């Protein structure tokens, strides 16, 4: 972390599910969910980075891919 940046590694399933959640979060009134405005910029940056990295977002079967990713990430009982 000597260059002042942090790298986060996610699986493709984690990235897809997180991207979807962040999209929903950004469509709400962020001030109602995140009471710290200083956090908004990193939220938008992470969401934008995921949007650029995930070609699945534009796939015609996006909903099925998202459901499958959620299923794989779901903790076993």
C-alpha atoms as a PDB file:
ATOM      1  CA  UNK A   1       0.000   0.000   0.000  1.00  0.00           C
ATOM      2  CA  UNK A   2       2.989   2.278  -0.412  1.00  0.00           C
ATOM      3  CA  UNK A   3       1.453   4.034  -3.439  1.00  0.00           C
ATOM      4  CA  UNK A   4      -1.637   5.076  -1.473  1.00  0.00           C
ATOM      5  CA  UNK A   5      -3.999   2.708  -3.269  1.00  0.00           C
ATOM      6  CA  UNK A   6      -5.787  -0.429  -2.160  1.00  0.00           C
ATOM      7  CA  UNK A   7      -6.521  -3.400  -4.382  1.00  0.00           C
ATOM      8  CA  UNK A   8      -9.529  -5.580  -3.685  1.00  0.00           C
ATOM      9  CA  UNK A   9      -9.877  -8.956  -5.374  1.00  0.00           C
ATOM     10  CA  UNK A  10     -13.319 -10.459  -5.935  1.00  0.00           C
ATOM     11  CA  UNK A  11     -14.501 -13.560  -7.700  1.00  0.00           C
ATOM     12  CA  UNK A  12     -16.643 -12.917 -10.752  1.00  0.00           C
ATOM     13  CA  UNK A  13     -19.698 -14.045  -8.760  1.00  0.00           C
ATOM     14  CA  UNK A  14     -18.873 -11.656  -5.926  1.00  0.00           C
ATOM     15  CA  UNK A  15     -18.284  -8.800  -8.359  1.00  0.00           C
ATOM     16  CA  UNK A  16     -21.566  -9.400 -10.188  1.00  0.00           C
ATOM     17  CA  UNK A  17     -23.653  -9.587  -7.008  1.00  0.00           C
ATOM     18  CA  UNK A  18     -21.896  -6.577  -5.465  1.00  0.00           C
ATOM     19  CA  UNK A  19     -22.342  -4.570  -8.665  1.00  0.00           C
ATOM     20  CA  UNK A  20     -26.068  -5.284  -8.678  1.00  0.00           C
ATOM     21  CA  UNK A  21     -26.396  -4.304  -5.023  1.00  0.00           C
ATOM     22  CA  UNK A  22     -24.421  -1.102  -5.517  1.00  0.00           C
ATOM     23  CA  UNK A  23     -26.612  -0.195  -8.485  1.00  0.00           C
ATOM     24  CA  UNK A  24     -29.720  -0.602  -6.343  1.00  0.00           C
ATOM     25  CA  UNK A  25     -28.075   1.394  -3.552  1.00  0.00           C
ATOM     26  CA  UNK A  26     -27.228   4.259  -5.896  1.00  0.00           C
ATOM     27  CA  UNK A  27     -30.811   4.337  -7.196  1.00  0.00           C
ATOM     28  CA  UNK A  28     -32.063   5.073  -3.676  1.00  0.00           C
ATOM     29  CA  UNK A  29     -31.583   8.255  -1.718  1.00  0.00           C
ATOM     30  CA  UNK A  30     -28.044   7.514  -0.513  1.00  0.00           C
ATOM     31  CA  UNK A  31     -28.470   9.869   2.438  1.00  0.00           C
ATOM     32  CA  UNK A  32     -31.185   7.596   3.844  1.00  0.00           C
ATOM     33  CA  UNK A  33     -28.988   4.482   3.674  1.00  0.00           C
ATOM     34  CA  UNK A  34     -25.468   5.866   4.095  1.00  0.00           C
ATOM     35  CA  UNK A  35     -25.399   8.652   6.654  1.00  0.00           C
ATOM     36  CA  UNK A  36     -21.770   9.532   5.964  1.00  0.00           C
ATOM     37  CA  UNK A  37     -21.528  11.629   2.744  1.00  0.00           C
ATOM     38  CA  UNK A  38     -17.763  11.085   2.604  1.00  0.00           C
ATOM     39  CA  UNK A  39     -18.482   7.413   1.786  1.00  0.00           C
ATOM     40  CA  UNK A  40     -20.504   8.263  -1.324  1.00  0.00           C
ATOM     41  CA  UNK A  41     -17.466   8.957  -3.536  1.00  0.00           C
ATOM     42  CA  UNK A  42     -15.871   5.551  -2.855  1.00  0.00           C
ATOM     43  CA  UNK A  43     -19.243   3.852  -3.396  1.00  0.00           C
ATOM     44  CA  UNK A  44     -19.566   5.502  -6.817  1.00  0.00           C
ATOM     45  CA  UNK A  45     -15.951   4.691  -7.690  1.00  0.00           C
ATOM     46  CA  UNK A  46     -16.328   1.004  -6.818  1.00  0.00           C
ATOM     47  CA  UNK A  47     -19.609   0.786  -8.731  1.00  0.00           C
ATOM     48  CA  UNK A  48     -18.084   2.480 -11.773  1.00  0.00           C
ATOM     49  CA  UNK A  49     -15.061   0.193 -11.724  1.00  0.00           C
ATOM     50  CA  UNK A  50     -17.293  -2.869 -11.572  1.00  0.00           C
ATOM     51  CA  UNK A  51     -19.474  -1.531 -14.392  1.00  0.00           C
ATOM     52  CA  UNK A  52     -16.421  -1.219 -16.629  1.00  0.00           C
ATOM     53  CA  UNK A  53     -15.057  -4.647 -15.703  1.00  0.00           C
ATOM     54  CA  UNK A  54     -18.217  -6.750 -15.980  1.00  0.00           C
ATOM     55  CA  UNK A  55     -19.360  -7.510 -19.507  1.00  0.00           C
ATOM     56  CA  UNK A  56     -22.113  -9.675 -17.951  1.00  0.00           C
ATOM     57  CA  UNK A  57     -24.031  -6.509 -17.097  1.00  0.00           C
ATOM     58  CA  UNK A  58     -24.982  -6.143 -20.736  1.00  0.00           C
ATOM     59  CA  UNK A  59     -25.664  -9.801 -21.495  1.00  0.00           C
ATOM     60  CA  UNK A  60     -29.206 -10.678 -22.578  1.00  0.00           C
ATOM     61  CA  UNK A  61     -29.287 -13.366 -19.871  1.00  0.00           C
ATOM     62  CA  UNK A  62     -28.048 -11.024 -17.127  1.00  0.00           C
ATOM     63  CA  UNK A  63     -30.857 -11.952 -14.723  1.00  0.00           C
ATOM     64  CA  UNK A  64     -30.077 -15.654 -15.021  1.00  0.00           C
ATOM     65  CA  UNK A  65     -26.361 -15.015 -14.536  1.00  0.00           C
ATOM     66  CA  UNK A  66     -27.061 -12.898 -11.471  1.00  0.00           C
ATOM     67  CA  UNK A  67     -29.364 -15.545  -9.995  1.00  0.00           C
ATOM     68  CA  UNK A  68     -26.769 -18.254 -10.615  1.00  0.00           C
ATOM     69  CA  UNK A  69     -24.030 -16.152  -8.990  1.00  0.00           C
ATOM     70  CA  UNK A  70     -26.236 -15.503  -5.969  1.00  0.00           C
ATOM     71  CA  UNK A  71     -26.979 -19.225  -5.676  1.00  0.00           C
ATOM     72  CA  UNK A  72     -23.268 -20.083  -5.726  1.00  0.00           C
ATOM     73  CA  UNK A  73     -22.512 -17.459  -3.057  1.00  0.00           C
ATOM     74  CA  UNK A  74     -25.389 -18.427  -0.799  1.00  0.00           C
ATOM     75  CA  UNK A  75     -24.076 -19.977   2.416  1.00  0.00           C
ATOM     76  CA  UNK A  76     -24.943 -23.594   2.914  1.00  0.00           C
ATOM     77  CA  UNK A  77     -27.192 -24.307   5.891  1.00  0.00           C
END
